Amino acid sequence: MPFLLPAILIFFCDFCNGKKLPGNEYIIYETYDKGKVGTIEVRLTKDSTGYRLIYRSDRIIEAILDTINLQTLHLNKIVEGRWELSVKKNHVIEVNYRGRKKYYNESMPVYDRHTLDYVLRGFDYHQDFKRRIRLNVPEFMVINADIEVVGEDSISTPVGTFNCWKILMTPRIFFKKLSFYFYIEKAFPYRFVKYTDASGKNSITLKEYKLN
């Protein structure tokens, strides 16, 4: 009887449908943040340690994600040559943000906000999809965030036009109401195509993509 399954097993079913993500990619995103245009370069490889991601913009972020559920195993962030953040997962999750350490004992996968472009590609979306995930916001804490499919859309980018799931993310922060939209390609390789905040004034759009 499916409704008796533990929550963690129901969660992992989103990743056990045979959906496989690429293990070697080169991506450039165009960003529009507070009126400024920029780019983020992303290189992805896969080895025995997990999915390895390197992000380069005005900062460098190196991350390793679990190959089963895409949770963050390791992350290091350097901004303008200065270390800012590290995340490590062993028996507990250690988050060291600017020298302030916090430890979390979590039974569910925890995703870091810096890697959502890849993590959100891993879910098995459908029209009724709705999940609550654990999200690490290093400047704050590990929080609940709800993600759900709210529609489908055709998104045009410099790379081409893609049929996408429209995903609404609502972080559960009691003192502030936030919402974000992510557009994930419906077909392989399930690219992260676009992101916007609720205002539509800040965005990330796929600009270049190479599957190696």
N, C-alpha and C. Protein backbone atom coordinates (compact mmCIF):
# COMPACT_ATOMS: atom_id res chain seq x y z
N MET A 1 0.86 -1.19 0.00
CA MET A 1 0.00 0.00 0.00
C MET A 1 0.89 1.24 0.00
N PRO A 2 0.92 2.02 -1.09
CA PRO A 2 1.85 3.12 -1.25
C PRO A 2 1.80 4.16 -0.16
N PHE A 3 0.59 4.43 0.40
CA PHE A 3 0.50 5.51 1.38
C PHE A 3 1.17 5.15 2.70
N LEU A 4 1.58 3.91 2.88
CA LEU A 4 2.28 3.52 4.09
C LEU A 4 3.78 3.61 3.96
N LEU A 5 4.27 3.92 2.77
CA LEU A 5 5.72 4.03 2.59
C LEU A 5 6.27 5.18 3.41
N PRO A 6 7.45 5.00 4.03
CA PRO A 6 8.07 6.11 4.72
C PRO A 6 8.30 7.26 3.76
N ALA A 7 8.29 8.47 4.28
CA ALA A 7 8.43 9.66 3.45
C ALA A 7 9.71 9.64 2.65
N ILE A 8 10.78 9.13 3.23
CA ILE A 8 12.06 9.15 2.52
C ILE A 8 12.02 8.25 1.29
N LEU A 9 11.27 7.13 1.34
CA LEU A 9 11.16 6.26 0.18
C LEU A 9 10.33 6.91 -0.92
N ILE A 10 9.28 7.60 -0.52
CA ILE A 10 8.47 8.32 -1.51
C ILE A 10 9.32 9.37 -2.20
N PHE A 11 10.16 10.05 -1.41
CA PHE A 11 11.02 11.08 -1.98
C PHE A 11 11.97 10.50 -3.00
N PHE A 12 12.63 9.39 -2.67
CA PHE A 12 13.62 8.82 -3.57
C PHE A 12 12.99 8.29 -4.84
N CYS A 13 11.71 7.99 -4.83
CA CYS A 13 11.06 7.53 -6.05
C CYS A 13 11.12 8.57 -7.15
N ASP A 14 11.26 9.85 -6.80
CA ASP A 14 11.40 10.90 -7.81
C ASP A 14 12.69 10.74 -8.59
N PHE A 15 13.65 10.00 -8.03
CA PHE A 15 14.94 9.87 -8.69
C PHE A 15 15.18 8.45 -9.21
N CYS A 16 14.23 7.53 -9.01
CA CYS A 16 14.50 6.13 -9.36
C CYS A 16 13.69 5.67 -10.56
N ASN A 17 13.34 6.62 -11.43
CA ASN A 17 12.53 6.26 -12.59
C ASN A 17 13.38 5.92 -13.81
N GLY A 18 14.70 5.85 -13.65
CA GLY A 18 15.58 5.58 -14.77
C GLY A 18 16.05 6.84 -15.47
N LYS A 19 15.61 8.00 -15.00
CA LYS A 19 16.02 9.27 -15.58
C LYS A 19 17.49 9.50 -15.26
N LYS A 20 18.30 9.65 -16.31
CA LYS A 20 19.72 9.85 -16.13
C LYS A 20 20.12 11.23 -16.65
N LEU A 21 20.91 11.91 -15.86
CA LEU A 21 21.39 13.23 -16.25
C LEU A 21 22.77 13.11 -16.89
N PRO A 22 23.11 14.05 -17.76
CA PRO A 22 24.45 14.02 -18.38
C PRO A 22 25.54 14.12 -17.33
N GLY A 23 26.70 13.56 -17.65
CA GLY A 23 27.83 13.60 -16.73
C GLY A 23 28.99 14.44 -17.23
N ASN A 24 28.79 15.12 -18.36
CA ASN A 24 29.86 15.97 -18.89
C ASN A 24 29.23 17.08 -19.73
N GLU A 25 29.22 18.29 -19.19
CA GLU A 25 28.58 19.42 -19.86
C GLU A 25 29.40 20.70 -19.71
N TYR A 26 29.19 21.59 -20.66
CA TYR A 26 29.71 22.96 -20.56
C TYR A 26 28.53 23.89 -20.82
N ILE A 27 28.29 24.81 -19.89
CA ILE A 27 27.10 25.67 -19.95
C ILE A 27 27.50 27.11 -19.66
N ILE A 28 26.86 28.04 -20.37
CA ILE A 28 26.95 29.45 -20.03
C ILE A 28 25.54 29.98 -19.84
N TYR A 29 25.31 30.62 -18.70
CA TYR A 29 24.05 31.29 -18.43
C TYR A 29 24.25 32.80 -18.48
N GLU A 30 23.25 33.50 -18.99
CA GLU A 30 23.25 34.96 -18.89
C GLU A 30 22.40 35.37 -17.69
N THR A 31 22.92 36.25 -16.89
CA THR A 31 22.22 36.68 -15.68
C THR A 31 21.80 38.13 -15.80
N TYR A 32 20.68 38.43 -15.20
CA TYR A 32 20.21 39.81 -15.09
C TYR A 32 19.81 40.01 -13.64
N ASP A 33 20.66 40.73 -12.91
CA ASP A 33 20.49 40.84 -11.46
C ASP A 33 20.60 42.30 -11.06
N LYS A 34 19.50 42.85 -10.57
CA LYS A 34 19.46 44.24 -10.11
C LYS A 34 19.96 45.20 -11.18
N GLY A 35 19.55 44.95 -12.41
CA GLY A 35 19.88 45.84 -13.51
C GLY A 35 21.21 45.58 -14.18
N LYS A 36 21.96 44.60 -13.68
CA LYS A 36 23.28 44.30 -14.24
C LYS A 36 23.25 42.99 -15.01
N VAL A 37 23.87 43.00 -16.20
CA VAL A 37 23.96 41.79 -17.02
C VAL A 37 25.30 41.11 -16.77
N GLY A 38 25.28 39.80 -16.60
CA GLY A 38 26.51 39.05 -16.38
C GLY A 38 26.39 37.65 -16.96
N THR A 39 27.40 36.84 -16.71
CA THR A 39 27.37 35.45 -17.16
C THR A 39 27.89 34.54 -16.06
N ILE A 40 27.43 33.29 -16.11
CA ILE A 40 27.94 32.23 -15.24
C ILE A 40 28.38 31.09 -16.14
N GLU A 41 29.64 30.67 -16.00
CA GLU A 41 30.16 29.52 -16.74
C GLU A 41 30.11 28.31 -15.83
N VAL A 42 29.58 27.21 -16.35
CA VAL A 42 29.44 25.99 -15.55
C VAL A 42 30.09 24.83 -16.29
N ARG A 43 30.95 24.11 -15.60
CA ARG A 43 31.54 22.88 -16.13
C ARG A 43 31.14 21.72 -15.23
N LEU A 44 30.63 20.68 -15.85
CA LEU A 44 30.18 19.51 -15.10
C LEU A 44 30.91 18.27 -15.58
N THR A 45 31.42 17.49 -14.64
CA THR A 45 31.96 16.17 -14.93
C THR A 45 31.44 15.20 -13.87
N LYS A 46 31.60 13.92 -14.15
CA LYS A 46 31.15 12.89 -13.22
C LYS A 46 32.26 11.88 -13.03
N ASP A 47 32.55 11.54 -11.77
CA ASP A 47 33.54 10.51 -11.48
C ASP A 47 33.06 9.70 -10.29
N SER A 48 33.95 8.95 -9.68
CA SER A 48 33.56 8.05 -8.58
C SER A 48 33.11 8.81 -7.33
N THR A 49 33.45 10.09 -7.23
CA THR A 49 33.06 10.88 -6.05
C THR A 49 31.68 11.50 -6.21
N GLY A 50 31.19 11.62 -7.45
CA GLY A 50 29.89 12.22 -7.68
C GLY A 50 29.89 13.13 -8.89
N TYR A 51 28.84 13.92 -8.99
CA TYR A 51 28.79 14.97 -10.01
C TYR A 51 29.62 16.15 -9.51
N ARG A 52 30.58 16.59 -10.32
CA ARG A 52 31.46 17.68 -9.92
C ARG A 52 31.13 18.91 -10.76
N LEU A 53 30.76 19.98 -10.07
CA LEU A 53 30.36 21.22 -10.72
C LEU A 53 31.31 22.34 -10.37
N ILE A 54 31.69 23.14 -11.36
CA ILE A 54 32.49 24.34 -11.13
C ILE A 54 31.76 25.51 -11.78
N TYR A 55 31.42 26.50 -10.97
CA TYR A 55 30.76 27.71 -11.44
C TYR A 55 31.76 28.86 -11.41
N ARG A 56 31.81 29.64 -12.49
CA ARG A 56 32.70 30.80 -12.55
C ARG A 56 31.93 32.04 -13.01
N SER A 57 31.99 33.07 -12.20
CA SER A 57 31.46 34.38 -12.54
C SER A 57 32.35 35.40 -11.83
N ASP A 58 31.79 36.26 -10.99
CA ASP A 58 32.64 37.07 -10.12
C ASP A 58 33.06 36.26 -8.90
N ARG A 59 32.64 35.00 -8.88
CA ARG A 59 32.97 34.07 -7.80
C ARG A 59 33.23 32.70 -8.39
N ILE A 60 33.88 31.86 -7.61
CA ILE A 60 34.13 30.48 -8.02
C ILE A 60 33.49 29.56 -6.99
N ILE A 61 32.63 28.68 -7.46
CA ILE A 61 31.97 27.72 -6.58
C ILE A 61 32.27 26.32 -7.10
N GLU A 62 32.81 25.48 -6.25
CA GLU A 62 33.09 24.09 -6.59
C GLU A 62 32.21 23.20 -5.72
N ALA A 63 31.50 22.27 -6.35
CA ALA A 63 30.57 21.43 -5.61
C ALA A 63 30.65 19.99 -6.08
N ILE A 64 30.36 19.08 -5.17
CA ILE A 64 30.22 17.66 -5.50
C ILE A 64 28.83 17.24 -5.03
N LEU A 65 28.06 16.63 -5.95
CA LEU A 65 26.71 16.18 -5.64
C LEU A 65 26.62 14.67 -5.70
N ASP A 66 25.81 14.10 -4.85
CA ASP A 66 25.58 12.67 -4.82
C ASP A 66 24.96 12.21 -6.14
N THR A 67 25.41 11.08 -6.67
CA THR A 67 24.90 10.61 -7.96
C THR A 67 23.51 9.97 -7.85
N ILE A 68 23.06 9.65 -6.64
CA ILE A 68 21.76 9.02 -6.46
C ILE A 68 20.66 10.06 -6.29
N ASN A 69 20.86 11.01 -5.36
CA ASN A 69 19.78 11.95 -5.05
C ASN A 69 20.18 13.42 -5.23
N LEU A 70 21.42 13.67 -5.70
CA LEU A 70 21.91 15.01 -6.02
C LEU A 70 22.06 15.93 -4.81
N GLN A 71 22.05 15.37 -3.59
CA GLN A 71 22.29 16.22 -2.44
C GLN A 71 23.74 16.69 -2.43
N THR A 72 24.00 17.79 -1.75
CA THR A 72 25.33 18.36 -1.68
C THR A 72 26.22 17.56 -0.74
N LEU A 73 27.35 17.08 -1.26
CA LEU A 73 28.34 16.38 -0.45
C LEU A 73 29.48 17.30 -0.04
N HIS A 74 29.79 18.24 -0.93
CA HIS A 74 30.89 19.17 -0.68
C HIS A 74 30.65 20.42 -1.49
N LEU A 75 30.98 21.58 -0.91
CA LEU A 75 30.89 22.83 -1.64
C LEU A 75 31.89 23.82 -1.07
N ASN A 76 32.52 24.57 -1.96
CA ASN A 76 33.45 25.62 -1.55
C ASN A 76 33.20 26.85 -2.42
N LYS A 77 33.14 28.02 -1.79
CA LYS A 77 32.81 29.25 -2.52
C LYS A 77 33.85 30.33 -2.22
N ILE A 78 34.38 30.92 -3.29
CA ILE A 78 35.35 32.01 -3.19
C ILE A 78 34.80 33.20 -3.95
N VAL A 79 34.74 34.36 -3.32
CA VAL A 79 34.22 35.57 -3.93
C VAL A 79 35.33 36.60 -4.02
N GLU A 80 35.67 36.99 -5.27
CA GLU A 80 36.72 37.98 -5.51
C GLU A 80 38.00 37.63 -4.77
N GLY A 81 38.37 36.36 -4.85
CA GLY A 81 39.62 35.89 -4.26
C GLY A 81 39.58 35.59 -2.79
N ARG A 82 38.45 35.78 -2.15
CA ARG A 82 38.35 35.55 -0.71
C ARG A 82 37.36 34.42 -0.42
N TRP A 83 37.80 33.46 0.42
CA TRP A 83 36.92 32.36 0.80
C TRP A 83 35.70 32.90 1.55
N GLU A 84 34.53 32.30 1.26
CA GLU A 84 33.30 32.73 1.94
C GLU A 84 32.53 31.58 2.56
N LEU A 85 32.53 30.41 1.89
CA LEU A 85 31.64 29.34 2.35
C LEU A 85 32.21 27.97 2.05
N SER A 86 32.00 27.03 2.97
CA SER A 86 32.26 25.62 2.70
C SER A 86 31.14 24.79 3.31
N VAL A 87 30.80 23.71 2.61
CA VAL A 87 29.78 22.77 3.08
C VAL A 87 30.36 21.38 2.96
N LYS A 88 30.22 20.58 4.02
CA LYS A 88 30.71 19.21 4.01
C LYS A 88 29.64 18.29 4.60
N LYS A 89 29.47 17.14 3.96
CA LYS A 89 28.53 16.16 4.50
C LYS A 89 29.27 14.88 4.82
N ASN A 90 29.27 14.51 6.08
CA ASN A 90 29.75 13.21 6.53
C ASN A 90 28.57 12.56 7.26
N HIS A 91 28.69 12.35 8.56
CA HIS A 91 27.54 11.87 9.32
C HIS A 91 26.54 13.00 9.56
N VAL A 92 27.05 14.21 9.63
CA VAL A 92 26.21 15.40 9.73
C VAL A 92 26.65 16.38 8.65
N ILE A 93 25.87 17.43 8.46
CA ILE A 93 26.21 18.46 7.49
C ILE A 93 26.86 19.62 8.23
N GLU A 94 28.07 19.98 7.80
CA GLU A 94 28.76 21.12 8.38
C GLU A 94 28.71 22.28 7.39
N VAL A 95 28.16 23.40 7.82
CA VAL A 95 28.10 24.61 7.00
C VAL A 95 28.96 25.67 7.67
N ASN A 96 30.01 26.09 6.99
CA ASN A 96 30.91 27.11 7.52
C ASN A 96 30.77 28.35 6.65
N TYR A 97 30.04 29.33 7.13
CA TYR A 97 29.80 30.57 6.39
C TYR A 97 30.56 31.71 7.07
N ARG A 98 31.64 32.13 6.41
CA ARG A 98 32.47 33.24 6.90
C ARG A 98 32.97 32.98 8.32
N GLY A 99 33.31 31.73 8.60
CA GLY A 99 33.88 31.39 9.89
C GLY A 99 32.86 30.97 10.94
N ARG A 100 31.56 31.11 10.62
CA ARG A 100 30.52 30.71 11.56
C ARG A 100 30.02 29.32 11.16
N LYS A 101 30.27 28.34 12.02
CA LYS A 101 29.93 26.96 11.71
C LYS A 101 28.58 26.58 12.31
N LYS A 102 27.81 25.83 11.50
CA LYS A 102 26.55 25.24 11.96
C LYS A 102 26.53 23.78 11.55
N TYR A 103 25.90 22.95 12.36
CA TYR A 103 25.83 21.51 12.08
C TYR A 103 24.37 21.08 12.04
N TYR A 104 24.07 20.23 11.05
CA TYR A 104 22.70 19.76 10.86
C TYR A 104 22.70 18.25 10.74
N ASN A 105 21.80 17.61 11.49
CA ASN A 105 21.62 16.17 11.40
C ASN A 105 20.31 15.93 10.65
N GLU A 106 20.40 15.61 9.37
CA GLU A 106 19.23 15.53 8.51
C GLU A 106 19.04 14.12 7.98
N SER A 107 17.80 13.64 8.00
CA SER A 107 17.51 12.31 7.45
C SER A 107 17.19 12.38 5.96
N MET A 108 16.77 13.54 5.48
CA MET A 108 16.44 13.72 4.09
C MET A 108 17.61 14.40 3.36
N PRO A 109 17.68 14.26 2.03
CA PRO A 109 18.71 14.96 1.28
C PRO A 109 18.60 16.47 1.47
N VAL A 110 19.74 17.12 1.55
CA VAL A 110 19.77 18.58 1.68
C VAL A 110 20.49 19.15 0.46
N TYR A 111 19.85 20.12 -0.18
CA TYR A 111 20.40 20.73 -1.38
C TYR A 111 20.86 22.15 -1.07
N ASP A 112 22.01 22.52 -1.63
CA ASP A 112 22.49 23.88 -1.43
C ASP A 112 21.90 24.78 -2.51
N ARG A 113 21.57 26.00 -2.14
CA ARG A 113 20.90 26.90 -3.08
C ARG A 113 21.76 27.20 -4.30
N HIS A 114 23.09 27.08 -4.17
CA HIS A 114 23.99 27.39 -5.29
C HIS A 114 23.92 26.35 -6.41
N THR A 115 23.39 25.18 -6.13
CA THR A 115 23.40 24.10 -7.13
C THR A 115 22.00 23.75 -7.65
N LEU A 116 21.04 24.62 -7.43
CA LEU A 116 19.67 24.31 -7.83
C LEU A 116 19.53 24.15 -9.34
N ASP A 117 20.39 24.80 -10.11
CA ASP A 117 20.30 24.67 -11.57
C ASP A 117 20.46 23.22 -12.01
N TYR A 118 21.27 22.45 -11.28
CA TYR A 118 21.45 21.04 -11.63
C TYR A 118 20.47 20.15 -10.87
N VAL A 119 20.28 20.43 -9.59
CA VAL A 119 19.42 19.59 -8.75
C VAL A 119 18.00 19.50 -9.31
N LEU A 120 17.45 20.62 -9.73
CA LEU A 120 16.06 20.63 -10.18
C LEU A 120 15.86 19.88 -11.49
N ARG A 121 16.93 19.54 -12.16
CA ARG A 121 16.83 18.73 -13.38
C ARG A 121 16.58 17.26 -13.06
N GLY A 122 16.80 16.85 -11.83
CA GLY A 122 16.78 15.43 -11.49
C GLY A 122 15.42 14.87 -11.12
N PHE A 123 14.44 15.73 -10.87
CA PHE A 123 13.14 15.23 -10.45
C PHE A 123 12.32 14.73 -11.65
N ASP A 124 11.46 13.77 -11.36
CA ASP A 124 10.58 13.20 -12.38
C ASP A 124 9.27 13.99 -12.39
N TYR A 125 9.24 15.06 -13.15
CA TYR A 125 8.09 15.96 -13.12
C TYR A 125 6.89 15.40 -13.88
N HIS A 126 5.71 15.81 -13.41
CA HIS A 126 4.44 15.53 -14.09
C HIS A 126 3.48 16.64 -13.68
N GLN A 127 2.30 16.66 -14.24
CA GLN A 127 1.40 17.79 -14.03
C GLN A 127 0.97 17.98 -12.58
N ASP A 128 0.95 16.89 -11.81
CA ASP A 128 0.53 16.99 -10.41
C ASP A 128 1.70 16.97 -9.44
N PHE A 129 2.90 17.17 -9.95
CA PHE A 129 4.10 17.07 -9.11
C PHE A 129 4.10 18.15 -8.04
N LYS A 130 4.37 17.72 -6.80
CA LYS A 130 4.51 18.65 -5.68
C LYS A 130 5.36 17.97 -4.61
N ARG A 131 6.41 18.64 -4.16
CA ARG A 131 7.30 18.08 -3.14
C ARG A 131 7.80 19.17 -2.19
N ARG A 132 8.14 18.75 -1.00
CA ARG A 132 8.85 19.63 -0.06
C ARG A 132 10.27 19.11 0.07
N ILE A 133 11.24 19.99 -0.11
CA ILE A 133 12.64 19.62 -0.02
C ILE A 133 13.32 20.39 1.11
N ARG A 134 14.50 19.92 1.45
CA ARG A 134 15.34 20.63 2.44
C ARG A 134 16.41 21.40 1.67
N LEU A 135 16.48 22.68 1.95
CA LEU A 135 17.34 23.58 1.18
C LEU A 135 18.28 24.33 2.11
N ASN A 136 19.57 24.26 1.79
CA ASN A 136 20.56 24.98 2.58
C ASN A 136 20.72 26.39 2.02
N VAL A 137 20.35 27.36 2.83
CA VAL A 137 20.61 28.77 2.52
C VAL A 137 21.69 29.20 3.50
N PRO A 138 22.96 29.14 3.09
CA PRO A 138 24.07 29.29 4.04
C PRO A 138 24.02 30.56 4.87
N GLU A 139 23.51 31.65 4.28
CA GLU A 139 23.43 32.91 5.02
C GLU A 139 22.40 32.86 6.13
N PHE A 140 21.56 31.82 6.10
CA PHE A 140 20.45 31.72 7.05
C PHE A 140 20.48 30.39 7.78
N MET A 141 19.95 29.34 7.17
CA MET A 141 19.93 28.00 7.78
C MET A 141 19.39 27.01 6.75
N VAL A 142 19.26 25.75 7.16
CA VAL A 142 18.58 24.75 6.34
C VAL A 142 17.08 24.93 6.55
N ILE A 143 16.34 25.10 5.45
CA ILE A 143 14.92 25.40 5.54
C ILE A 143 14.12 24.43 4.68
N ASN A 144 12.82 24.42 4.87
CA ASN A 144 11.92 23.72 3.96
C ASN A 144 11.63 24.63 2.76
N ALA A 145 11.49 24.00 1.59
CA ALA A 145 11.07 24.72 0.40
C ALA A 145 10.13 23.82 -0.39
N ASP A 146 9.02 24.37 -0.81
CA ASP A 146 8.05 23.62 -1.60
C ASP A 146 8.30 23.86 -3.08
N ILE A 147 8.31 22.78 -3.86
CA ILE A 147 8.41 22.90 -5.31
C ILE A 147 7.23 22.19 -5.94
N GLU A 148 6.66 22.80 -6.96
CA GLU A 148 5.52 22.19 -7.64
C GLU A 148 5.44 22.64 -9.09
N VAL A 149 4.91 21.76 -9.91
CA VAL A 149 4.67 22.10 -11.31
C VAL A 149 3.41 22.95 -11.37
N VAL A 150 3.53 24.13 -11.99
CA VAL A 150 2.38 25.03 -12.11
C VAL A 150 1.99 25.26 -13.57
N GLY A 151 2.64 24.53 -14.47
CA GLY A 151 2.28 24.65 -15.87
C GLY A 151 3.39 24.18 -16.78
N GLU A 152 3.20 24.42 -18.05
CA GLU A 152 4.20 24.14 -19.07
C GLU A 152 4.36 25.39 -19.92
N ASP A 153 5.56 25.57 -20.48
CA ASP A 153 5.79 26.77 -21.27
C ASP A 153 6.85 26.51 -22.32
N SER A 154 6.80 27.29 -23.38
CA SER A 154 7.81 27.24 -24.44
C SER A 154 8.73 28.43 -24.24
N ILE A 155 10.02 28.17 -23.98
CA ILE A 155 10.97 29.22 -23.64
C ILE A 155 12.02 29.35 -24.74
N SER A 156 12.18 30.57 -25.26
CA SER A 156 13.17 30.83 -26.30
C SER A 156 14.44 31.40 -25.68
N THR A 157 15.58 30.86 -26.10
CA THR A 157 16.88 31.28 -25.61
C THR A 157 17.84 31.38 -26.80
N PRO A 158 19.05 31.89 -26.60
CA PRO A 158 20.04 31.90 -27.68
C PRO A 158 20.40 30.50 -28.18
N VAL A 159 20.14 29.48 -27.37
CA VAL A 159 20.45 28.10 -27.75
C VAL A 159 19.33 27.50 -28.60
N GLY A 160 18.11 27.99 -28.41
CA GLY A 160 16.96 27.44 -29.11
C GLY A 160 15.71 27.61 -28.27
N THR A 161 14.62 27.03 -28.73
CA THR A 161 13.35 27.09 -28.02
C THR A 161 13.05 25.72 -27.41
N PHE A 162 12.63 25.72 -26.14
CA PHE A 162 12.48 24.48 -25.40
C PHE A 162 11.09 24.38 -24.77
N ASN A 163 10.52 23.19 -24.82
CA ASN A 163 9.30 22.90 -24.07
C ASN A 163 9.69 22.57 -22.64
N CYS A 164 9.15 23.31 -21.70
CA CYS A 164 9.63 23.23 -20.32
C CYS A 164 8.48 23.01 -19.33
N TRP A 165 8.84 22.36 -18.22
CA TRP A 165 8.00 22.40 -17.03
C TRP A 165 8.24 23.73 -16.34
N LYS A 166 7.17 24.35 -15.89
CA LYS A 166 7.29 25.58 -15.10
C LYS A 166 7.17 25.20 -13.64
N ILE A 167 8.25 25.41 -12.90
CA ILE A 167 8.33 24.97 -11.50
C ILE A 167 8.29 26.19 -10.59
N LEU A 168 7.38 26.17 -9.64
CA LEU A 168 7.31 27.21 -8.62
C LEU A 168 8.01 26.72 -7.36
N MET A 169 8.95 27.51 -6.86
CA MET A 169 9.59 27.20 -5.57
C MET A 169 9.18 28.26 -4.56
N THR A 170 8.72 27.77 -3.39
CA THR A 170 8.33 28.66 -2.30
C THR A 170 9.10 28.29 -1.05
N PRO A 171 10.16 29.03 -0.72
CA PRO A 171 10.88 28.77 0.54
C PRO A 171 9.99 29.06 1.73
N ARG A 172 10.07 28.19 2.74
CA ARG A 172 9.23 28.36 3.91
C ARG A 172 10.00 29.14 4.98
N ILE A 173 10.00 30.46 4.82
CA ILE A 173 10.64 31.36 5.78
C ILE A 173 9.52 32.18 6.41
N PHE A 174 9.37 32.06 7.73
CA PHE A 174 8.17 32.57 8.38
C PHE A 174 8.05 34.09 8.31
N PHE A 175 9.17 34.81 8.20
CA PHE A 175 9.10 36.26 8.25
C PHE A 175 9.14 36.92 6.88
N LYS A 176 9.18 36.11 5.81
CA LYS A 176 9.27 36.69 4.48
C LYS A 176 8.64 35.75 3.47
N LYS A 177 7.81 36.29 2.59
CA LYS A 177 7.18 35.49 1.56
C LYS A 177 7.94 35.65 0.25
N LEU A 178 8.50 34.54 -0.24
CA LEU A 178 9.29 34.55 -1.46
C LEU A 178 8.77 33.49 -2.42
N SER A 179 8.95 33.72 -3.70
CA SER A 179 8.63 32.70 -4.68
C SER A 179 9.52 32.89 -5.91
N PHE A 180 9.88 31.76 -6.53
CA PHE A 180 10.78 31.76 -7.67
C PHE A 180 10.27 30.78 -8.71
N TYR A 181 10.57 31.05 -9.96
CA TYR A 181 10.13 30.18 -11.05
C TYR A 181 11.33 29.62 -11.80
N PHE A 182 11.29 28.32 -12.05
CA PHE A 182 12.34 27.63 -12.78
C PHE A 182 11.70 26.91 -13.97
N TYR A 183 12.39 26.97 -15.11
CA TYR A 183 11.89 26.32 -16.32
C TYR A 183 12.87 25.21 -16.70
N ILE A 184 12.40 23.96 -16.63
CA ILE A 184 13.24 22.79 -16.85
C ILE A 184 12.77 22.08 -18.12
N GLU A 185 13.70 21.83 -19.02
CA GLU A 185 13.40 21.16 -20.28
C GLU A 185 12.73 19.81 -20.03
N LYS A 186 11.67 19.51 -20.78
CA LYS A 186 10.93 18.27 -20.56
C LYS A 186 11.66 17.05 -21.13
N ALA A 187 12.45 17.22 -22.16
CA ALA A 187 13.14 16.11 -22.82
C ALA A 187 14.62 16.10 -22.43
N PHE A 188 15.27 14.97 -22.67
CA PHE A 188 16.71 14.87 -22.42
C PHE A 188 17.44 15.94 -23.22
N PRO A 189 18.44 16.61 -22.65
CA PRO A 189 19.11 16.36 -21.36
C PRO A 189 18.54 17.13 -20.17
N TYR A 190 17.25 17.51 -20.23
CA TYR A 190 16.57 18.13 -19.09
C TYR A 190 17.26 19.40 -18.63
N ARG A 191 17.59 20.25 -19.58
CA ARG A 191 18.37 21.45 -19.25
C ARG A 191 17.61 22.43 -18.36
N PHE A 192 18.36 23.11 -17.54
CA PHE A 192 17.87 24.27 -16.79
C PHE A 192 17.86 25.42 -17.79
N VAL A 193 16.67 25.88 -18.18
CA VAL A 193 16.53 26.82 -19.28
C VAL A 193 16.41 28.26 -18.80
N LYS A 194 15.66 28.45 -17.71
CA LYS A 194 15.46 29.83 -17.26
C LYS A 194 15.04 29.85 -15.80
N TYR A 195 15.37 30.96 -15.16
CA TYR A 195 14.92 31.25 -13.79
C TYR A 195 14.47 32.70 -13.74
N THR A 196 13.39 32.96 -13.00
CA THR A 196 13.00 34.33 -12.70
C THR A 196 12.49 34.40 -11.27
N ASP A 197 12.64 35.57 -10.67
CA ASP A 197 12.00 35.75 -9.37
C ASP A 197 10.55 36.18 -9.61
N ALA A 198 9.79 36.37 -8.54
CA ALA A 198 8.37 36.67 -8.68
C ALA A 198 8.13 38.00 -9.39
N SER A 199 9.06 38.93 -9.24
CA SER A 199 8.90 40.24 -9.87
C SER A 199 9.19 40.21 -11.37
N GLY A 200 9.94 39.19 -11.80
CA GLY A 200 10.35 39.12 -13.20
C GLY A 200 11.51 40.03 -13.54
N LYS A 201 12.05 40.74 -12.55
CA LYS A 201 13.12 41.70 -12.80
C LYS A 201 14.51 41.07 -12.75
N ASN A 202 14.63 39.90 -12.14
CA ASN A 202 15.91 39.21 -12.04
C ASN A 202 15.77 37.84 -12.70
N SER A 203 16.76 37.47 -13.50
CA SER A 203 16.60 36.24 -14.27
C SER A 203 17.95 35.60 -14.58
N ILE A 204 17.89 34.32 -14.92
CA ILE A 204 19.02 33.55 -15.44
C ILE A 204 18.51 32.80 -16.66
N THR A 205 19.22 32.90 -17.79
CA THR A 205 18.76 32.28 -19.03
C THR A 205 19.90 31.50 -19.68
N LEU A 206 19.57 30.33 -20.20
CA LEU A 206 20.55 29.51 -20.90
C LEU A 206 21.07 30.26 -22.14
N LYS A 207 22.40 30.39 -22.25
CA LYS A 207 23.00 31.13 -23.35
C LYS A 207 23.82 30.24 -24.28
N GLU A 208 24.49 29.23 -23.69
CA GLU A 208 25.31 28.32 -24.49
C GLU A 208 25.31 26.96 -23.81
N TYR A 209 25.31 25.90 -24.61
CA TYR A 209 25.27 24.55 -24.04
C TYR A 209 26.03 23.57 -24.94
N LYS A 210 26.92 22.78 -24.32
CA LYS A 210 27.63 21.73 -25.03
C LYS A 210 27.56 20.46 -24.20
N LEU A 211 27.10 19.39 -24.82
CA LEU A 211 27.08 18.08 -24.19
C LEU A 211 28.25 17.29 -24.71
N ASN A 212 29.18 16.95 -23.81
CA ASN A 212 30.42 16.27 -24.23
C ASN A 212 30.28 14.76 -24.11
